[in-house]
Amino acid sequence: MKIFVSGTFKEDSFAENVAVTLKAMGHEVCFPSVIKSSSLLGLPLLGELEKRINHTGPLRFEKKLINQIKEFKPDLFFSVTQNYSPEFLAEVAKLTPKLVMWWGDPIALNYRMTLLSRSWTAIFLKDKSAVRKLNIIGVPAYFLNEAMNPLWHRPLASQQNSALVIAGNYYNYRLALIELLRDRGISLELYGSKPPRWAPSEICKIHTGEYITKENKSRIFGAGLACLNSFSFFEGNSLNCRAFEIAGAGGLQLIEYKETIQECFEPGRELITFSSQEELFSAIDRAKKDPGEMKKIREAGQRRAHSEHTYEQRLKTIFNILC
């Protein structure tokens, strides 16, 4: 098929992984250029601010997309976690026979009427509660987890240090966890977006200043003592992409417990869960004391991710539903 992919095209982003996999599957894919990791820490927020402030008319980036869609003439408009105006979606529905959204963020981050539009052929979400809510109002929503890309989310390093690796965005709950761990004297390596200005200065000082992607991300995940995976207050009973990427890279994953984890991994054998402060500290101590046992957990998690949780497998599920 000719597929137009729309999303935020940062390096190793959800959108880039989808587009790269679709091309590898043999489709003709049109997507914007990718912003490299060297510039990710200083990305401007004007586009995101416009989406939140402009509640009435089309957004500026949509006009450019419409022109690109008209030129490409796709069989499928495939959006990845992007908010749109109703006018834009109505126009796209005139230009291409099918519109699909794969939404990877918490459902609370959906602004305007994007996921409620009648223009979608199908919407895929990682939160079963959100799927039920959309089904009630007649939206064709389906449950689908995020994934990992075996091209670069693969084992590239074995444990080389005693640091607890943390990567991603530094929202308030994650900052509180970091303070707790730092006060306990646990060695930390912080990667990803810069902490906000209101973050504790001690945390800002230990941030590496590096936004990790692709093979470099996998090497860092594999080399650390373990990788901490926590969730913001927005996230319901759903998993982030990091749950699959850490496992795919062969990292030892310490993940905040959620019921949905058991549908994707076996706790204690493929990753380690925690639901209390005591369980978190106990897991870290266990990782330090028994690297042999931890290696088995790393390897089991890696096998599970590569056998069941790749982007290609998820996209085949989408196409099966569309057909």
C-alpha atoms as a PDB file:
ATOM      1  CA  MET A   1       0.000   0.000   0.000  1.00  0.00           C
ATOM      2  CA  LYS A   2       0.867   3.662  -0.240  1.00  0.00           C
ATOM      3  CA  ILE A   3       0.858   4.844   3.370  1.00  0.00           C
ATOM      4  CA  PHE A   4       1.163   8.409   4.635  1.00  0.00           C
ATOM      5  CA  VAL A   5       2.481   8.415   8.215  1.00  0.00           C
ATOM      6  CA  SER A   6       1.837  11.464  10.375  1.00  0.00           C
ATOM      7  CA  GLY A   7       3.345  12.023  13.804  1.00  0.00           C
ATOM      8  CA  THR A   8       6.250  13.542  15.724  1.00  0.00           C
ATOM      9  CA  PHE A   9       9.333  12.340  13.884  1.00  0.00           C
ATOM     10  CA  LYS A  10      12.067  12.462  16.468  1.00  0.00           C
ATOM     11  CA  GLU A  11      14.847   9.895  16.260  1.00  0.00           C
ATOM     12  CA  ASP A  12      13.664   6.508  17.606  1.00  0.00           C
ATOM     13  CA  SER A  13      10.213   7.970  18.225  1.00  0.00           C
ATOM     14  CA  PHE A  14       6.989   5.984  18.034  1.00  0.00           C
ATOM     15  CA  ALA A  15       6.295   7.536  14.613  1.00  0.00           C
ATOM     16  CA  GLU A  16       9.733   6.776  13.182  1.00  0.00           C
ATOM     17  CA  ASN A  17       9.603   3.169  14.354  1.00  0.00           C
ATOM     18  CA  VAL A  18       6.206   2.712  12.710  1.00  0.00           C
ATOM     19  CA  ALA A  19       7.343   4.281   9.423  1.00  0.00           C
ATOM     20  CA  VAL A  20      10.628   2.325   9.287  1.00  0.00           C
ATOM     21  CA  THR A  21       8.799  -0.954   9.951  1.00  0.00           C
ATOM     22  CA  LEU A  22       6.135  -0.270   7.331  1.00  0.00           C
ATOM     23  CA  LYS A  23       8.881   0.319   4.745  1.00  0.00           C
ATOM     24  CA  ALA A  24      10.617  -2.915   5.788  1.00  0.00           C
ATOM     25  CA  MET A  25       7.289  -4.723   5.289  1.00  0.00           C
ATOM     26  CA  GLY A  26       7.284  -3.588   1.658  1.00  0.00           C
ATOM     27  CA  HIS A  27       4.909  -0.613   1.726  1.00  0.00           C
ATOM     28  CA  GLU A  28       5.516   2.707  -0.009  1.00  0.00           C
ATOM     29  CA  VAL A  29       5.706   5.170   2.869  1.00  0.00           C
ATOM     30  CA  CYS A  30       5.712   8.962   2.985  1.00  0.00           C
ATOM     31  CA  PHE A  31       6.786  10.643   6.213  1.00  0.00           C
ATOM     32  CA  PRO A  32       8.578  13.855   7.301  1.00  0.00           C
ATOM     33  CA  SER A  33      12.314  14.058   7.920  1.00  0.00           C
ATOM     34  CA  VAL A  34      13.539  12.847  11.320  1.00  0.00           C
ATOM     35  CA  ILE A  35      14.943  15.212  13.939  1.00  0.00           C
ATOM     36  CA  LYS A  36      18.270  13.778  15.149  1.00  0.00           C
ATOM     37  CA  SER A  37      18.947  13.090  18.822  1.00  0.00           C
ATOM     38  CA  SER A  38      21.624  15.811  19.059  1.00  0.00           C
ATOM     39  CA  SER A  39      18.873  18.449  18.832  1.00  0.00           C
ATOM     40  CA  LEU A  40      16.126  16.740  20.826  1.00  0.00           C
ATOM     41  CA  LEU A  41      16.971  18.298  24.181  1.00  0.00           C
ATOM     42  CA  GLY A  42      16.239  21.766  22.838  1.00  0.00           C
ATOM     43  CA  LEU A  43      13.135  21.101  20.739  1.00  0.00           C
ATOM     44  CA  PRO A  44      10.814  24.132  20.478  1.00  0.00           C
ATOM     45  CA  LEU A  45       7.402  23.746  22.053  1.00  0.00           C
ATOM     46  CA  LEU A  46       5.530  26.219  19.839  1.00  0.00           C
ATOM     47  CA  GLY A  47       3.755  23.508  17.844  1.00  0.00           C
ATOM     48  CA  GLU A  48       2.560  21.717  20.973  1.00  0.00           C
ATOM     49  CA  LEU A  49       1.478  25.002  22.556  1.00  0.00           C
ATOM     50  CA  GLU A  50      -0.586  25.840  19.479  1.00  0.00           C
ATOM     51  CA  LYS A  51      -2.422  22.504  19.702  1.00  0.00           C
ATOM     52  CA  ARG A  52      -3.410  23.255  23.291  1.00  0.00           C
ATOM     53  CA  ILE A  53      -4.305  26.923  22.811  1.00  0.00           C
ATOM     54  CA  ASN A  54      -6.029  26.856  19.403  1.00  0.00           C
ATOM     55  CA  HIS A  55      -9.400  25.234  20.094  1.00  0.00           C
ATOM     56  CA  THR A  56     -11.368  26.481  17.109  1.00  0.00           C
ATOM     57  CA  GLY A  57      -9.706  26.295  13.688  1.00  0.00           C
ATOM     58  CA  PRO A  58      -7.177  24.290  11.698  1.00  0.00           C
ATOM     59  CA  LEU A  59      -3.579  24.182  12.909  1.00  0.00           C
ATOM     60  CA  ARG A  60      -0.713  25.511  10.804  1.00  0.00           C
ATOM     61  CA  PHE A  61       1.025  22.151  10.372  1.00  0.00           C
ATOM     62  CA  GLU A  62      -2.216  20.643   9.026  1.00  0.00           C
ATOM     63  CA  LYS A  63      -2.174  22.847   5.932  1.00  0.00           C
ATOM     64  CA  LYS A  64       1.246  21.474   4.987  1.00  0.00           C
ATOM     65  CA  LEU A  65       0.061  17.900   5.599  1.00  0.00           C
ATOM     66  CA  ILE A  66      -2.964  18.358   3.339  1.00  0.00           C
ATOM     67  CA  ASN A  67      -0.724  19.473   0.465  1.00  0.00           C
ATOM     68  CA  GLN A  68       1.574  16.479   1.007  1.00  0.00           C
ATOM     69  CA  ILE A  69      -1.358  14.059   1.104  1.00  0.00           C
ATOM     70  CA  LYS A  70      -2.792  15.486  -2.120  1.00  0.00           C
ATOM     71  CA  GLU A  71       0.568  15.001  -3.828  1.00  0.00           C
ATOM     72  CA  PHE A  72       1.243  11.486  -2.465  1.00  0.00           C
ATOM     73  CA  LYS A  73      -2.312  10.106  -2.930  1.00  0.00           C
ATOM     74  CA  PRO A  74      -2.087   7.431  -0.199  1.00  0.00           C
ATOM     75  CA  ASP A  75      -4.239   4.342   0.270  1.00  0.00           C
ATOM     76  CA  LEU A  76      -4.000   4.828   4.024  1.00  0.00           C
ATOM     77  CA  PHE A  77      -3.486   7.818   6.322  1.00  0.00           C
ATOM     78  CA  PHE A  78      -1.694   6.402   9.386  1.00  0.00           C
ATOM     79  CA  SER A  79      -1.396   8.749  12.348  1.00  0.00           C
ATOM     80  CA  VAL A  80       0.773   8.096  15.397  1.00  0.00           C
ATOM     81  CA  THR A  81      -0.199   9.976  18.599  1.00  0.00           C
ATOM     82  CA  GLN A  82      -1.097  13.293  16.989  1.00  0.00           C
ATOM     83  CA  ASN A  83      -3.860  15.791  17.713  1.00  0.00           C
ATOM     84  CA  TYR A  84      -5.829  17.319  14.815  1.00  0.00           C
ATOM     85  CA  SER A  85      -8.674  19.717  14.142  1.00  0.00           C
ATOM     86  CA  PRO A  86     -12.037  18.270  12.982  1.00  0.00           C
ATOM     87  CA  GLU A  87     -11.703  20.240   9.738  1.00  0.00           C
ATOM     88  CA  PHE A  88      -8.402  18.558   8.932  1.00  0.00           C
ATOM     89  CA  LEU A  89      -9.723  15.034   9.513  1.00  0.00           C
ATOM     90  CA  ALA A  90     -12.806  15.706   7.400  1.00  0.00           C
ATOM     91  CA  GLU A  91     -10.568  16.887   4.559  1.00  0.00           C
ATOM     92  CA  VAL A  92      -8.241  13.871   4.844  1.00  0.00           C
ATOM     93  CA  ALA A  93     -11.260  11.543   4.708  1.00  0.00           C
ATOM     94  CA  LYS A  94     -12.026  12.996   1.271  1.00  0.00           C
ATOM     95  CA  LEU A  95      -8.478  12.360   0.052  1.00  0.00           C
ATOM     96  CA  THR A  96      -7.791   8.797   1.230  1.00  0.00           C
ATOM     97  CA  PRO A  97     -10.071   5.764   1.772  1.00  0.00           C
ATOM     98  CA  LYS A  98      -8.828   4.774   5.242  1.00  0.00           C
ATOM     99  CA  LEU A  99      -7.677   6.694   8.316  1.00  0.00           C
ATOM    100  CA  VAL A 100      -5.961   4.925  11.228  1.00  0.00           C
ATOM    101  CA  MET A 101      -4.758   6.287  14.555  1.00  0.00           C
ATOM    102  CA  TRP A 102      -2.330   4.401  16.806  1.00  0.00           C
ATOM    103  CA  TRP A 103      -2.340   6.430  20.011  1.00  0.00           C
ATOM    104  CA  GLY A 104       0.592   5.736  22.351  1.00  0.00           C
ATOM    105  CA  ASP A 105       0.177   8.459  24.991  1.00  0.00           C
ATOM    106  CA  PRO A 106      -2.128   8.325  28.002  1.00  0.00           C
ATOM    107  CA  ILE A 107      -5.663   9.028  26.798  1.00  0.00           C
ATOM    108  CA  ALA A 108      -5.807  12.172  28.976  1.00  0.00           C
ATOM    109  CA  LEU A 109      -3.330  13.830  26.580  1.00  0.00           C
ATOM    110  CA  ASN A 110      -5.875  13.766  23.749  1.00  0.00           C
ATOM    111  CA  TYR A 111      -6.885  17.384  23.140  1.00  0.00           C
ATOM    112  CA  ARG A 112      -9.879  18.719  21.214  1.00  0.00           C
ATOM    113  CA  MET A 113     -12.013  16.031  19.510  1.00  0.00           C
ATOM    114  CA  THR A 114      -9.225  14.072  17.788  1.00  0.00           C
ATOM    115  CA  LEU A 115     -10.043  10.564  19.049  1.00  0.00           C
ATOM    116  CA  LEU A 116     -13.787  11.226  19.014  1.00  0.00           C
ATOM    117  CA  SER A 117     -13.958  12.047  15.303  1.00  0.00           C
ATOM    118  CA  ARG A 118     -16.178   9.933  13.050  1.00  0.00           C
ATOM    119  CA  SER A 119     -13.549  10.136  10.306  1.00  0.00           C
ATOM    120  CA  TRP A 120     -11.402   7.284  11.654  1.00  0.00           C
ATOM    121  CA  THR A 121     -11.577   3.824  10.123  1.00  0.00           C
ATOM    122  CA  ALA A 122      -9.968   2.442  13.299  1.00  0.00           C
ATOM    123  CA  ILE A 123      -8.207   3.700  16.433  1.00  0.00           C
ATOM    124  CA  PHE A 124      -5.728   1.616  18.449  1.00  0.00           C
ATOM    125  CA  LEU A 125      -5.064   2.319  22.128  1.00  0.00           C
ATOM    126  CA  LYS A 126      -2.984   0.704  24.884  1.00  0.00           C
ATOM    127  CA  ASP A 127      -5.629   1.320  27.562  1.00  0.00           C
ATOM    128  CA  LYS A 128      -8.593  -1.090  27.677  1.00  0.00           C
ATOM    129  CA  SER A 129     -10.690   1.327  29.731  1.00  0.00           C
ATOM    130  CA  ALA A 130     -10.235   4.008  27.071  1.00  0.00           C
ATOM    131  CA  VAL A 131     -11.190   1.507  24.357  1.00  0.00           C
ATOM    132  CA  ARG A 132     -14.450   0.751  26.196  1.00  0.00           C
ATOM    133  CA  LYS A 133     -15.273   4.446  26.578  1.00  0.00           C
ATOM    134  CA  LEU A 134     -14.733   5.124  22.871  1.00  0.00           C
ATOM    135  CA  ASN A 135     -16.760   2.049  21.890  1.00  0.00           C
ATOM    136  CA  ILE A 136     -19.699   3.354  23.943  1.00  0.00           C
ATOM    137  CA  ILE A 137     -19.943   6.439  21.723  1.00  0.00           C
ATOM    138  CA  GLY A 138     -19.506   4.428  18.527  1.00  0.00           C
ATOM    139  CA  VAL A 139     -15.804   4.989  17.825  1.00  0.00           C
ATOM    140  CA  PRO A 140     -14.126   1.885  16.246  1.00  0.00           C
ATOM    141  CA  ALA A 141     -11.414   1.558  18.918  1.00  0.00           C
ATOM    142  CA  TYR A 142      -9.250  -1.514  19.573  1.00  0.00           C
ATOM    143  CA  PHE A 143      -6.723  -2.492  22.231  1.00  0.00           C
ATOM    144  CA  LEU A 144      -3.078  -2.624  21.130  1.00  0.00           C
ATOM    145  CA  ASN A 145       0.125  -2.288  23.154  1.00  0.00           C
ATOM    146  CA  GLU A 146       3.174  -0.353  22.024  1.00  0.00           C
ATOM    147  CA  ALA A 147       6.245  -2.273  20.860  1.00  0.00           C
ATOM    148  CA  MET A 148      10.007  -2.488  20.317  1.00  0.00           C
ATOM    149  CA  ASN A 149      12.064  -2.411  17.137  1.00  0.00           C
ATOM    150  CA  PRO A 150      14.517  -5.334  16.785  1.00  0.00           C
ATOM    151  CA  LEU A 151      16.602  -3.225  14.389  1.00  0.00           C
ATOM    152  CA  TRP A 152      18.021  -1.308  17.353  1.00  0.00           C
ATOM    153  CA  HIS A 153      16.223  -2.442  20.533  1.00  0.00           C
ATOM    154  CA  ARG A 154      18.408  -5.521  20.871  1.00  0.00           C
ATOM    155  CA  PRO A 155      21.132  -6.810  23.248  1.00  0.00           C
ATOM    156  CA  LEU A 156      24.309  -4.814  22.577  1.00  0.00           C
ATOM    157  CA  ALA A 157      25.945  -4.807  26.023  1.00  0.00           C
ATOM    158  CA  SER A 158      26.047  -6.917  29.163  1.00  0.00           C
ATOM    159  CA  GLN A 159      26.163  -5.386  32.641  1.00  0.00           C
ATOM    160  CA  GLN A 160      29.231  -3.171  33.057  1.00  0.00           C
ATOM    161  CA  ASN A 161      28.382  -0.889  35.996  1.00  0.00           C
ATOM    162  CA  SER A 162      26.263  -0.612  39.151  1.00  0.00           C
ATOM    163  CA  ALA A 163      24.095   2.313  38.054  1.00  0.00           C
ATOM    164  CA  LEU A 164      20.310   2.363  37.953  1.00  0.00           C
ATOM    165  CA  VAL A 165      19.399   3.749  34.513  1.00  0.00           C
ATOM    166  CA  ILE A 166      16.436   6.132  34.167  1.00  0.00           C
ATOM    167  CA  ALA A 167      15.408   7.527  30.767  1.00  0.00           C
ATOM    168  CA  GLY A 168      12.459   9.554  29.531  1.00  0.00           C
ATOM    169  CA  ASN A 169      10.570  12.629  30.702  1.00  0.00           C
ATOM    170  CA  TYR A 170      11.015  14.031  34.204  1.00  0.00           C
ATOM    171  CA  TYR A 171       7.484  14.484  35.497  1.00  0.00           C
ATOM    172  CA  ASN A 172       6.822  15.096  39.198  1.00  0.00           C
ATOM    173  CA  TYR A 173       6.358  11.482  40.291  1.00  0.00           C
ATOM    174  CA  ARG A 174       9.565  10.328  38.571  1.00  0.00           C
ATOM    175  CA  LEU A 175      11.461  13.216  40.175  1.00  0.00           C
ATOM    176  CA  ALA A 176      10.182  12.144  43.598  1.00  0.00           C
ATOM    177  CA  LEU A 177      11.341   8.576  42.937  1.00  0.00           C
ATOM    178  CA  ILE A 178      14.789   9.838  41.944  1.00  0.00           C
ATOM    179  CA  GLU A 179      15.052  11.857  45.156  1.00  0.00           C
ATOM    180  CA  LEU A 180      14.127   8.759  47.140  1.00  0.00           C
ATOM    181  CA  LEU A 181      16.788   6.674  45.385  1.00  0.00           C
ATOM    182  CA  ARG A 182      19.451   9.377  45.620  1.00  0.00           C
ATOM    183  CA  ASP A 183      18.852   9.772  49.362  1.00  0.00           C
ATOM    184  CA  ARG A 184      19.342   6.009  49.682  1.00  0.00           C
ATOM    185  CA  GLY A 185      22.799   6.364  48.075  1.00  0.00           C
ATOM    186  CA  ILE A 186      21.914   4.453  44.900  1.00  0.00           C
ATOM    187  CA  SER A 187      24.040   5.248  41.849  1.00  0.00           C
ATOM    188  CA  LEU A 188      21.903   6.828  39.110  1.00  0.00           C
ATOM    189  CA  GLU A 189      22.304   7.582  35.403  1.00  0.00           C
ATOM    190  CA  LEU A 190      19.658   9.996  34.101  1.00  0.00           C
ATOM    191  CA  TYR A 191      18.989  10.351  30.371  1.00  0.00           C
ATOM    192  CA  GLY A 192      16.329  11.925  28.210  1.00  0.00           C
ATOM    193  CA  SER A 193      14.574  15.283  28.293  1.00  0.00           C
ATOM    194  CA  LYS A 194      15.999  17.983  30.522  1.00  0.00           C
ATOM    195  CA  PRO A 195      14.326  18.124  33.933  1.00  0.00           C
ATOM    196  CA  PRO A 196      11.896  21.064  34.231  1.00  0.00           C
ATOM    197  CA  ARG A 197      13.085  24.322  35.762  1.00  0.00           C
ATOM    198  CA  TRP A 198      11.186  23.574  38.956  1.00  0.00           C
ATOM    199  CA  ALA A 199      12.980  20.230  39.451  1.00  0.00           C
ATOM    200  CA  PRO A 200      15.278  19.895  42.484  1.00  0.00           C
ATOM    201  CA  SER A 201      18.696  21.338  41.624  1.00  0.00           C
ATOM    202  CA  GLU A 202      20.475  18.177  42.821  1.00  0.00           C
ATOM    203  CA  ILE A 203      18.653  16.144  40.167  1.00  0.00           C
ATOM    204  CA  CYS A 204      19.453  18.666  37.433  1.00  0.00           C
ATOM    205  CA  LYS A 205      23.132  18.376  38.332  1.00  0.00           C
ATOM    206  CA  ILE A 206      23.285  14.593  37.913  1.00  0.00           C
ATOM    207  CA  HIS A 207      21.351  14.523  34.619  1.00  0.00           C
ATOM    208  CA  THR A 208      23.762  13.412  31.889  1.00  0.00           C
ATOM    209  CA  GLY A 209      22.444  15.947  29.371  1.00  0.00           C
ATOM    210  CA  GLU A 210      22.107  13.133  26.834  1.00  0.00           C
ATOM    211  CA  TYR A 211      18.978  12.071  24.938  1.00  0.00           C
ATOM    212  CA  ILE A 212      19.541   8.406  24.093  1.00  0.00           C
ATOM    213  CA  THR A 213      18.105   6.647  21.055  1.00  0.00           C
ATOM    214  CA  LYS A 214      18.380   3.436  19.028  1.00  0.00           C
ATOM    215  CA  GLU A 215      21.569   1.356  19.488  1.00  0.00           C
ATOM    216  CA  ASN A 216      23.044   3.785  22.011  1.00  0.00           C
ATOM    217  CA  LYS A 217      19.917   3.437  24.135  1.00  0.00           C
ATOM    218  CA  SER A 218      20.166  -0.352  23.990  1.00  0.00           C
ATOM    219  CA  ARG A 219      23.838  -0.319  25.000  1.00  0.00           C
ATOM    220  CA  ILE A 220      23.105   1.879  28.010  1.00  0.00           C
ATOM    221  CA  PHE A 221      20.092  -0.231  29.037  1.00  0.00           C
ATOM    222  CA  GLY A 222      22.198  -3.387  28.840  1.00  0.00           C
ATOM    223  CA  ALA A 223      25.256  -1.975  30.634  1.00  0.00           C
ATOM    224  CA  GLY A 224      23.449  -0.700  33.716  1.00  0.00           C
ATOM    225  CA  LEU A 225      22.705  -2.625  36.890  1.00  0.00           C
ATOM    226  CA  ALA A 226      19.017  -2.240  36.035  1.00  0.00           C
ATOM    227  CA  CYS A 227      16.564   0.112  34.287  1.00  0.00           C
ATOM    228  CA  LEU A 228      13.822   1.771  36.309  1.00  0.00           C
ATOM    229  CA  ASN A 229      10.452   2.093  34.572  1.00  0.00           C
ATOM    230  CA  SER A 230       7.852   4.253  36.314  1.00  0.00           C
ATOM    231  CA  PHE A 231       4.619   5.911  35.145  1.00  0.00           C
ATOM    232  CA  SER A 232       3.081   9.357  35.451  1.00  0.00           C
ATOM    233  CA  PHE A 233      -0.237   9.985  37.185  1.00  0.00           C
ATOM    234  CA  PHE A 234      -1.822  10.273  33.719  1.00  0.00           C
ATOM    235  CA  GLU A 235      -1.004   6.662  32.845  1.00  0.00           C
ATOM    236  CA  GLY A 236      -3.734   4.171  33.714  1.00  0.00           C
ATOM    237  CA  ASN A 237      -3.477   0.385  33.536  1.00  0.00           C
ATOM    238  CA  SER A 238      -1.246   0.552  30.451  1.00  0.00           C
ATOM    239  CA  LEU A 239       2.412   0.199  29.505  1.00  0.00           C
ATOM    240  CA  ASN A 240       4.803   2.637  27.853  1.00  0.00           C
ATOM    241  CA  CYS A 241       7.075   1.771  24.931  1.00  0.00           C
ATOM    242  CA  ARG A 242      10.027   1.623  27.327  1.00  0.00           C
ATOM    243  CA  ALA A 243       8.606  -1.556  28.868  1.00  0.00           C
ATOM    244  CA  PHE A 244       9.231  -3.312  25.560  1.00  0.00           C
ATOM    245  CA  GLU A 245      12.453  -1.477  24.610  1.00  0.00           C
ATOM    246  CA  ILE A 246      14.247  -2.289  27.878  1.00  0.00           C
ATOM    247  CA  ALA A 247      13.313  -5.940  27.516  1.00  0.00           C
ATOM    248  CA  GLY A 248      14.316  -5.998  23.843  1.00  0.00           C
ATOM    249  CA  ALA A 249      17.723  -4.516  24.698  1.00  0.00           C
ATOM    250  CA  GLY A 250      18.361  -7.169  27.342  1.00  0.00           C
ATOM    251  CA  GLY A 251      18.166  -4.706  30.214  1.00  0.00           C
ATOM    252  CA  LEU A 252      17.107  -5.759  33.698  1.00  0.00           C
ATOM    253  CA  GLN A 253      13.751  -4.024  34.058  1.00  0.00           C
ATOM    254  CA  LEU A 254      12.457  -2.851  37.438  1.00  0.00           C
ATOM    255  CA  ILE A 255       8.923  -1.758  36.632  1.00  0.00           C
ATOM    256  CA  GLU A 256       6.152  -0.263  38.726  1.00  0.00           C
ATOM    257  CA  TYR A 257       3.483  -2.961  39.024  1.00  0.00           C
ATOM    258  CA  LYS A 258       0.336  -2.897  36.899  1.00  0.00           C
ATOM    259  CA  GLU A 259      -2.077  -5.726  36.176  1.00  0.00           C
ATOM    260  CA  THR A 260      -1.550  -5.394  32.430  1.00  0.00           C
ATOM    261  CA  ILE A 261       2.136  -6.343  32.780  1.00  0.00           C
ATOM    262  CA  GLN A 262       1.136  -9.981  33.213  1.00  0.00           C
ATOM    263  CA  GLU A 263      -0.450 -10.001  29.742  1.00  0.00           C
ATOM    264  CA  CYS A 264       2.948  -9.154  28.198  1.00  0.00           C
ATOM    265  CA  PHE A 265       5.644 -10.473  30.559  1.00  0.00           C
ATOM    266  CA  GLU A 266       5.988 -12.902  33.436  1.00  0.00           C
ATOM    267  CA  PRO A 267       6.957 -10.959  36.599  1.00  0.00           C
ATOM    268  CA  GLY A 268       9.917 -12.463  38.412  1.00  0.00           C
ATOM    269  CA  ARG A 269      11.076 -14.387  35.361  1.00  0.00           C
ATOM    270  CA  GLU A 270      11.205 -11.793  32.558  1.00  0.00           C
ATOM    271  CA  LEU A 271      11.284  -8.570  34.597  1.00  0.00           C
ATOM    272  CA  ILE A 272      10.950  -7.473  38.223  1.00  0.00           C
ATOM    273  CA  THR A 273       7.946  -5.531  39.486  1.00  0.00           C
ATOM    274  CA  PHE A 274       7.575  -3.366  42.578  1.00  0.00           C
ATOM    275  CA  SER A 275       4.509  -1.886  44.246  1.00  0.00           C
ATOM    276  CA  SER A 276       6.069  -0.453  47.404  1.00  0.00           C
ATOM    277  CA  GLN A 277       9.204   1.349  48.525  1.00  0.00           C
ATOM    278  CA  GLU A 278      10.413  -1.783  50.279  1.00  0.00           C
ATOM    279  CA  GLU A 279       9.954  -3.923  47.140  1.00  0.00           C
ATOM    280  CA  LEU A 280      11.885  -1.396  45.035  1.00  0.00           C
ATOM    281  CA  PHE A 281      14.867  -1.307  47.395  1.00  0.00           C
ATOM    282  CA  SER A 282      14.767  -5.089  47.758  1.00  0.00           C
ATOM    283  CA  ALA A 283      14.853  -5.521  43.968  1.00  0.00           C
ATOM    284  CA  ILE A 284      17.875  -3.225  43.668  1.00  0.00           C
ATOM    285  CA  ASP A 285      19.704  -5.122  46.438  1.00  0.00           C
ATOM    286  CA  ARG A 286      18.843  -8.407  44.748  1.00  0.00           C
ATOM    287  CA  ALA A 287      20.240  -7.144  41.429  1.00  0.00           C
ATOM    288  CA  LYS A 288      23.526  -6.236  43.127  1.00  0.00           C
ATOM    289  CA  LYS A 289      23.880  -9.518  45.007  1.00  0.00           C
ATOM    290  CA  ASP A 290      22.933 -12.047  42.322  1.00  0.00           C
ATOM    291  CA  PRO A 291      24.039 -10.982  38.799  1.00  0.00           C
ATOM    292  CA  GLY A 292      23.769 -14.590  37.620  1.00  0.00           C
ATOM    293  CA  GLU A 293      20.056 -14.764  38.401  1.00  0.00           C
ATOM    294  CA  MET A 294      19.558 -11.286  36.901  1.00  0.00           C
ATOM    295  CA  LYS A 295      21.209 -12.404  33.667  1.00  0.00           C
ATOM    296  CA  LYS A 296      18.582 -15.135  33.324  1.00  0.00           C
ATOM    297  CA  ILE A 297      15.802 -12.556  33.805  1.00  0.00           C
ATOM    298  CA  ARG A 298      17.398 -10.237  31.228  1.00  0.00           C
ATOM    299  CA  GLU A 299      17.637 -13.036  28.670  1.00  0.00           C
ATOM    300  CA  ALA A 300      14.090 -14.274  29.271  1.00  0.00           C
ATOM    301  CA  GLY A 301      12.678 -10.757  28.900  1.00  0.00           C
ATOM    302  CA  GLN A 302      14.659 -10.231  25.710  1.00  0.00           C
ATOM    303  CA  ARG A 303      13.355 -13.461  24.187  1.00  0.00           C
ATOM    304  CA  ARG A 304       9.758 -12.566  25.047  1.00  0.00           C
ATOM    305  CA  ALA A 305      10.042  -9.059  23.572  1.00  0.00           C
ATOM    306  CA  HIS A 306      11.571 -10.232  20.303  1.00  0.00           C
ATOM    307  CA  SER A 307       9.111 -13.090  19.880  1.00  0.00           C
ATOM    308  CA  GLU A 308       5.874 -11.276  20.770  1.00  0.00           C
ATOM    309  CA  HIS A 309       6.264  -7.502  20.999  1.00  0.00           C
ATOM    310  CA  THR A 310       7.755  -6.129  17.773  1.00  0.00           C
ATOM    311  CA  TYR A 311       6.357  -3.312  15.647  1.00  0.00           C
ATOM    312  CA  GLU A 312       5.893  -5.684  12.723  1.00  0.00           C
ATOM    313  CA  GLN A 313       3.685  -7.972  14.807  1.00  0.00           C
ATOM    314  CA  ARG A 314       1.582  -5.028  16.019  1.00  0.00           C
ATOM    315  CA  LEU A 315       1.191  -3.640  12.488  1.00  0.00           C
ATOM    316  CA  LYS A 316       0.078  -7.031  11.175  1.00  0.00           C
ATOM    317  CA  THR A 317      -2.634  -6.979  13.844  1.00  0.00           C
ATOM    318  CA  ILE A 318      -3.761  -3.569  12.604  1.00  0.00           C
ATOM    319  CA  PHE A 319      -3.882  -4.686   8.977  1.00  0.00           C
ATOM    320  CA  ASN A 320      -5.816  -7.834   9.905  1.00  0.00           C
ATOM    321  CA  ILE A 321      -8.477  -5.653  11.510  1.00  0.00           C
ATOM    322  CA  LEU A 322      -8.557  -3.235   8.580  1.00  0.00           C
ATOM    323  CA  CYS A 323      -9.060  -6.094   6.134  1.00  0.00           C
END
